Every structure is written in C-alpha cells, then in structure tokens.
Amino acid sequence: MILLEKGKISSGEFLILVIIFTIGGSILNVPALLVNLAKQDAWISYIITTLVSCPIP
C-alpha cells in the first residue's frame, strides 16, 4: 500500500484516476443512451460500447 506524502499524488496517479473515472462513466452512460434507440437489440449496443470503451494496448 502506498502512503500519501503530505496528501499529494503524482501526475501518473492522477492520470490513472482520470482514465478510470472516464471509462467508468462511459460504461454507465453510453449504453443507456443507445438502449433508447436500439429497443430490443439493446444487448448488441451494450457489447459494442463495452468494446469501444475498453483501452486497446
């Protein structure tokens, strides 16, 4: 476990936090928007948005 020195985080740690929150938000919000358009094929839109939002190495 890494302890914070005087409550500061490094720029790399901040970058990781931003990426995690961005991906998490897109996984929750984007499928909800597409479900309204896709209706019964919502499962396809969920799979597509999950693949798009995952980082590709």
PDB file of N, CA and C in Angstrom:
ATOM      1  N   MET A   1       0.840  -1.175   0.000  1.00  0.00           N
ATOM      2  CA  MET A   1       0.000   0.000   0.000  1.00  0.00           C
ATOM      3  C   MET A   1       0.885   1.238   0.000  1.00  0.00           C
ATOM      4  N   ILE A   2       0.573   2.169  -0.866  1.00  0.00           N
ATOM      5  CA  ILE A   2       1.359   3.394  -0.984  1.00  0.00           C
ATOM      6  C   ILE A   2       0.731   4.460  -0.096  1.00  0.00           C
ATOM      7  N   LEU A   3       1.539   5.039   0.763  1.00  0.00           N
ATOM      8  CA  LEU A   3       1.055   6.102   1.635  1.00  0.00           C
ATOM      9  C   LEU A   3       1.283   7.451   0.971  1.00  0.00           C
ATOM     10  N   LEU A   4       0.330   8.338   1.136  1.00  0.00           N
ATOM     11  CA  LEU A   4       0.463   9.676   0.571  1.00  0.00           C
ATOM     12  C   LEU A   4       1.437  10.502   1.404  1.00  0.00           C
ATOM     13  N   GLU A   5       2.278  11.217   0.717  1.00  0.00           N
ATOM     14  CA  GLU A   5       3.191  12.128   1.394  1.00  0.00           C
ATOM     15  C   GLU A   5       2.552  13.502   1.425  1.00  0.00           C
ATOM     16  N   LYS A   6       2.139  13.941   2.579  1.00  0.00           N
ATOM     17  CA  LYS A   6       1.507  15.249   2.771  1.00  0.00           C
ATOM     18  C   LYS A   6       0.276  15.431   1.892  1.00  0.00           C
ATOM     19  N   GLY A   7      -0.458  14.337   1.618  1.00  0.00           N
ATOM     20  CA  GLY A   7      -1.701  14.427   0.864  1.00  0.00           C
ATOM     21  C   GLY A   7      -1.539  14.703  -0.614  1.00  0.00           C
ATOM     22  N   LYS A   8      -0.386  14.463  -1.195  1.00  0.00           N
ATOM     23  CA  LYS A   8      -0.152  14.740  -2.607  1.00  0.00           C
ATOM     24  C   LYS A   8      -0.092  13.434  -3.393  1.00  0.00           C
ATOM     25  N   ILE A   9      -0.573  13.491  -4.651  1.00  0.00           N
ATOM     26  CA  ILE A   9      -0.438  12.351  -5.546  1.00  0.00           C
ATOM     27  C   ILE A   9       0.408  12.777  -6.751  1.00  0.00           C
ATOM     28  N   SER A  10       1.026  11.804  -7.356  1.00  0.00           N
ATOM     29  CA  SER A  10       1.869  12.112  -8.511  1.00  0.00           C
ATOM     30  C   SER A  10       1.001  12.317  -9.748  1.00  0.00           C
ATOM     31  N   SER A  11       1.601  12.828 -10.804  1.00  0.00           N
ATOM     32  CA  SER A  11       0.852  13.058 -12.042  1.00  0.00           C
ATOM     33  C   SER A  11       0.423  11.731 -12.669  1.00  0.00           C
ATOM     34  N   GLY A  12       1.214  10.696 -12.514  1.00  0.00           N
ATOM     35  CA  GLY A  12       0.851   9.378 -13.029  1.00  0.00           C
ATOM     36  C   GLY A  12      -0.361   8.801 -12.315  1.00  0.00           C
ATOM     37  N   GLU A  13      -0.410   8.971 -10.997  1.00  0.00           N
ATOM     38  CA  GLU A  13      -1.560   8.506 -10.227  1.00  0.00           C
ATOM     39  C   GLU A  13      -2.815   9.280 -10.608  1.00  0.00           C
ATOM     40  N   PHE A  14      -2.666  10.580 -10.839  1.00  0.00           N
ATOM     41  CA  PHE A  14      -3.799  11.392 -11.270  1.00  0.00           C
ATOM     42  C   PHE A  14      -4.309  10.938 -12.633  1.00  0.00           C
ATOM     43  N   LEU A  15      -3.391  10.632 -13.536  1.00  0.00           N
ATOM     44  CA  LEU A  15      -3.761  10.166 -14.868  1.00  0.00           C
ATOM     45  C   LEU A  15      -4.558   8.865 -14.779  1.00  0.00           C
ATOM     46  N   ILE A  16      -4.119   7.949 -13.936  1.00  0.00           N
ATOM     47  CA  ILE A  16      -4.833   6.683 -13.757  1.00  0.00           C
ATOM     48  C   ILE A  16      -6.238   6.927 -13.224  1.00  0.00           C
ATOM     49  N   LEU A  17      -6.373   7.824 -12.258  1.00  0.00           N
ATOM     50  CA  LEU A  17      -7.693   8.154 -11.715  1.00  0.00           C
ATOM     51  C   LEU A  17      -8.609   8.728 -12.785  1.00  0.00           C
ATOM     52  N   VAL A  18      -8.096   9.615 -13.607  1.00  0.00           N
ATOM     53  CA  VAL A  18      -8.906  10.222 -14.666  1.00  0.00           C
ATOM     54  C   VAL A  18      -9.358   9.158 -15.666  1.00  0.00           C
ATOM     55  N   ILE A  19      -8.468   8.275 -16.053  1.00  0.00           N
ATOM     56  CA  ILE A  19      -8.817   7.212 -17.004  1.00  0.00           C
ATOM     57  C   ILE A  19      -9.877   6.297 -16.425  1.00  0.00           C
ATOM     58  N   ILE A  20      -9.722   5.901 -15.168  1.00  0.00           N
ATOM     59  CA  ILE A  20     -10.690   5.004 -14.536  1.00  0.00           C
ATOM     60  C   ILE A  20     -12.070   5.647 -14.466  1.00  0.00           C
ATOM     61  N   PHE A  21     -12.130   6.918 -14.049  1.00  0.00           N
ATOM     62  CA  PHE A  21     -13.423   7.583 -13.959  1.00  0.00           C
ATOM     63  C   PHE A  21     -14.046   7.824 -15.327  1.00  0.00           C
ATOM     64  N   THR A  22     -13.233   8.092 -16.330  1.00  0.00           N
ATOM     65  CA  THR A  22     -13.751   8.305 -17.683  1.00  0.00           C
ATOM     66  C   THR A  22     -14.339   7.024 -18.253  1.00  0.00           C
ATOM     67  N   ILE A  23     -13.617   5.941 -18.123  1.00  0.00           N
ATOM     68  CA  ILE A  23     -14.111   4.656 -18.619  1.00  0.00           C
ATOM     69  C   ILE A  23     -15.353   4.229 -17.844  1.00  0.00           C
ATOM     70  N   GLY A  24     -15.326   4.398 -16.532  1.00  0.00           N
ATOM     71  CA  GLY A  24     -16.481   4.041 -15.716  1.00  0.00           C
ATOM     72  C   GLY A  24     -17.717   4.835 -16.093  1.00  0.00           C
ATOM     73  N   GLY A  25     -17.540   6.115 -16.326  1.00  0.00           N
ATOM     74  CA  GLY A  25     -18.675   6.948 -16.720  1.00  0.00           C
ATOM     75  C   GLY A  25     -19.219   6.584 -18.080  1.00  0.00           C
ATOM     76  N   SER A  26     -18.335   6.263 -19.012  1.00  0.00           N
ATOM     77  CA  SER A  26     -18.808   5.918 -20.359  1.00  0.00           C
ATOM     78  C   SER A  26     -19.501   4.562 -20.360  1.00  0.00           C
ATOM     79  N   ILE A  27     -19.043   3.645 -19.535  1.00  0.00           N
ATOM     80  CA  ILE A  27     -19.689   2.337 -19.460  1.00  0.00           C
ATOM     81  C   ILE A  27     -21.110   2.475 -18.914  1.00  0.00           C
ATOM     82  N   LEU A  28     -21.329   3.428 -18.009  1.00  0.00           N
ATOM     83  CA  LEU A  28     -22.662   3.622 -17.443  1.00  0.00           C
ATOM     84  C   LEU A  28     -23.568   4.476 -18.316  1.00  0.00           C
ATOM     85  N   ASN A  29     -23.046   5.501 -18.950  1.00  0.00           N
ATOM     86  CA  ASN A  29     -23.883   6.465 -19.670  1.00  0.00           C
ATOM     87  C   ASN A  29     -24.159   6.101 -21.124  1.00  0.00           C
ATOM     88  N   VAL A  30     -23.178   5.671 -21.842  1.00  0.00           N
ATOM     89  CA  VAL A  30     -23.344   5.429 -23.279  1.00  0.00           C
ATOM     90  C   VAL A  30     -24.362   4.325 -23.571  1.00  0.00           C
ATOM     91  N   PRO A  31     -24.322   3.178 -22.884  1.00  0.00           N
ATOM     92  CA  PRO A  31     -25.339   2.161 -23.181  1.00  0.00           C
ATOM     93  C   PRO A  31     -26.753   2.648 -22.894  1.00  0.00           C
ATOM     94  N   ALA A  32     -26.936   3.463 -21.868  1.00  0.00           N
ATOM     95  CA  ALA A  32     -28.272   3.965 -21.551  1.00  0.00           C
ATOM     96  C   ALA A  32     -28.816   4.821 -22.687  1.00  0.00           C
ATOM     97  N   LEU A  33     -27.968   5.599 -23.334  1.00  0.00           N
ATOM     98  CA  LEU A  33     -28.411   6.413 -24.468  1.00  0.00           C
ATOM     99  C   LEU A  33     -28.753   5.543 -25.678  1.00  0.00           C
ATOM    100  N   LEU A  34     -27.949   4.514 -25.907  1.00  0.00           N
ATOM    101  CA  LEU A  34     -28.174   3.668 -27.071  1.00  0.00           C
ATOM    102  C   LEU A  34     -29.358   2.727 -26.899  1.00  0.00           C
ATOM    103  N   VAL A  35     -29.687   2.371 -25.663  1.00  0.00           N
ATOM    104  CA  VAL A  35     -30.819   1.483 -25.424  1.00  0.00           C
ATOM    105  C   VAL A  35     -32.115   2.144 -25.883  1.00  0.00           C
ATOM    106  N   ASN A  36     -32.225   3.452 -25.706  1.00  0.00           N
ATOM    107  CA  ASN A  36     -33.419   4.158 -26.167  1.00  0.00           C
ATOM    108  C   ASN A  36     -33.591   4.043 -27.678  1.00  0.00           C
ATOM    109  N   LEU A  37     -32.505   3.998 -28.401  1.00  0.00           N
ATOM    110  CA  LEU A  37     -32.581   3.879 -29.859  1.00  0.00           C
ATOM    111  C   LEU A  37     -32.688   2.426 -30.324  1.00  0.00           C
ATOM    112  N   ALA A  38     -32.013   1.528 -29.622  1.00  0.00           N
ATOM    113  CA  ALA A  38     -31.914   0.146 -30.079  1.00  0.00           C
ATOM    114  C   ALA A  38     -33.130  -0.707 -29.714  1.00  0.00           C
ATOM    115  N   LYS A  39     -33.856  -0.346 -28.678  1.00  0.00           N
ATOM    116  CA  LYS A  39     -35.026  -1.097 -28.191  1.00  0.00           C
ATOM    117  C   LYS A  39     -34.661  -2.546 -27.883  1.00  0.00           C
ATOM    118  N   GLN A  40     -35.162  -3.508 -28.632  1.00  0.00           N
ATOM    119  CA  GLN A  40     -34.961  -4.913 -28.292  1.00  0.00           C
ATOM    120  C   GLN A  40     -33.544  -5.400 -28.589  1.00  0.00           C
ATOM    121  N   ASP A  41     -32.785  -4.660 -29.369  1.00  0.00           N
ATOM    122  CA  ASP A  41     -31.407  -5.043 -29.665  1.00  0.00           C
ATOM    123  C   ASP A  41     -30.411  -4.318 -28.759  1.00  0.00           C
ATOM    124  N   ALA A  42     -30.851  -4.000 -27.561  1.00  0.00           N
ATOM    125  CA  ALA A  42     -30.010  -3.257 -26.629  1.00  0.00           C
ATOM    126  C   ALA A  42     -28.767  -4.040 -26.233  1.00  0.00           C
ATOM    127  N   TRP A  43     -28.849  -5.345 -26.208  1.00  0.00           N
ATOM    128  CA  TRP A  43     -27.693  -6.147 -25.822  1.00  0.00           C
ATOM    129  C   TRP A  43     -26.547  -5.979 -26.817  1.00  0.00           C
ATOM    130  N   ILE A  44     -26.868  -5.763 -28.083  1.00  0.00           N
ATOM    131  CA  ILE A  44     -25.823  -5.548 -29.087  1.00  0.00           C
ATOM    132  C   ILE A  44     -25.123  -4.218 -28.837  1.00  0.00           C
ATOM    133  N   SER A  45     -25.896  -3.186 -28.526  1.00  0.00           N
ATOM    134  CA  SER A  45     -25.293  -1.881 -28.258  1.00  0.00           C
ATOM    135  C   SER A  45     -24.443  -1.915 -26.998  1.00  0.00           C
ATOM    136  N   TYR A  46     -24.853  -2.706 -26.014  1.00  0.00           N
ATOM    137  CA  TYR A  46     -24.053  -2.827 -24.795  1.00  0.00           C
ATOM    138  C   TYR A  46     -22.701  -3.466 -25.095  1.00  0.00           C
ATOM    139  N   ILE A  47     -22.687  -4.499 -25.887  1.00  0.00           N
ATOM    140  CA  ILE A  47     -21.423  -5.173 -26.239  1.00  0.00           C
ATOM    141  C   ILE A  47     -20.526  -4.221 -27.036  1.00  0.00           C
ATOM    142  N   ILE A  48     -21.099  -3.508 -27.986  1.00  0.00           N
ATOM    143  CA  ILE A  48     -20.307  -2.597 -28.806  1.00  0.00           C
ATOM    144  C   ILE A  48     -19.700  -1.478 -27.967  1.00  0.00           C
ATOM    145  N   THR A  49     -20.497  -0.864 -27.079  1.00  0.00           N
ATOM    146  CA  THR A  49     -19.966   0.223 -26.266  1.00  0.00           C
ATOM    147  C   THR A  49     -18.936  -0.265 -25.264  1.00  0.00           C
ATOM    148  N   THR A  50     -19.090  -1.485 -24.774  1.00  0.00           N
ATOM    149  CA  THR A  50     -18.078  -2.039 -23.868  1.00  0.00           C
ATOM    150  C   THR A  50     -16.761  -2.232 -24.602  1.00  0.00           C
ATOM    151  N   LEU A  51     -16.805  -2.745 -25.819  1.00  0.00           N
ATOM    152  CA  LEU A  51     -15.584  -2.945 -26.591  1.00  0.00           C
ATOM    153  C   LEU A  51     -14.930  -1.621 -26.971  1.00  0.00           C
ATOM    154  N   VAL A  52     -15.744  -0.621 -27.298  1.00  0.00           N
ATOM    155  CA  VAL A  52     -15.211   0.684 -27.685  1.00  0.00           C
ATOM    156  C   VAL A  52     -14.581   1.398 -26.500  1.00  0.00           C
ATOM    157  N   SER A  53     -15.189   1.266 -25.324  1.00  0.00           N
ATOM    158  CA  SER A  53     -14.693   1.998 -24.169  1.00  0.00           C
ATOM    159  C   SER A  53     -13.478   1.339 -23.510  1.00  0.00           C
ATOM    160  N   CYS A  54     -13.200   0.087 -23.848  1.00  0.00           N
ATOM    161  CA  CYS A  54     -12.025  -0.601 -23.281  1.00  0.00           C
ATOM    162  C   CYS A  54     -10.772  -0.123 -24.007  1.00  0.00           C
ATOM    163  N   PRO A  55      -9.728   0.189 -23.234  1.00  0.00           N
ATOM    164  CA  PRO A  55      -8.476   0.612 -23.898  1.00  0.00           C
ATOM    165  C   PRO A  55      -7.815  -0.558 -24.628  1.00  0.00           C
ATOM    166  N   ILE A  56      -7.362  -0.276 -25.824  1.00  0.00           N
ATOM    167  CA  ILE A  56      -6.683  -1.298 -26.628  1.00  0.00           C
ATOM    168  C   ILE A  56      -5.175  -1.054 -26.510  1.00  0.00           C
ATOM    169  N   PRO A  57      -4.434  -2.069 -26.044  1.00  0.00           N
ATOM    170  CA  PRO A  57      -2.981  -1.874 -25.869  1.00  0.00           C
ATOM    171  C   PRO A  57      -2.232  -1.755 -27.167  1.00  0.00           C
TER     172      PRO A  57
END
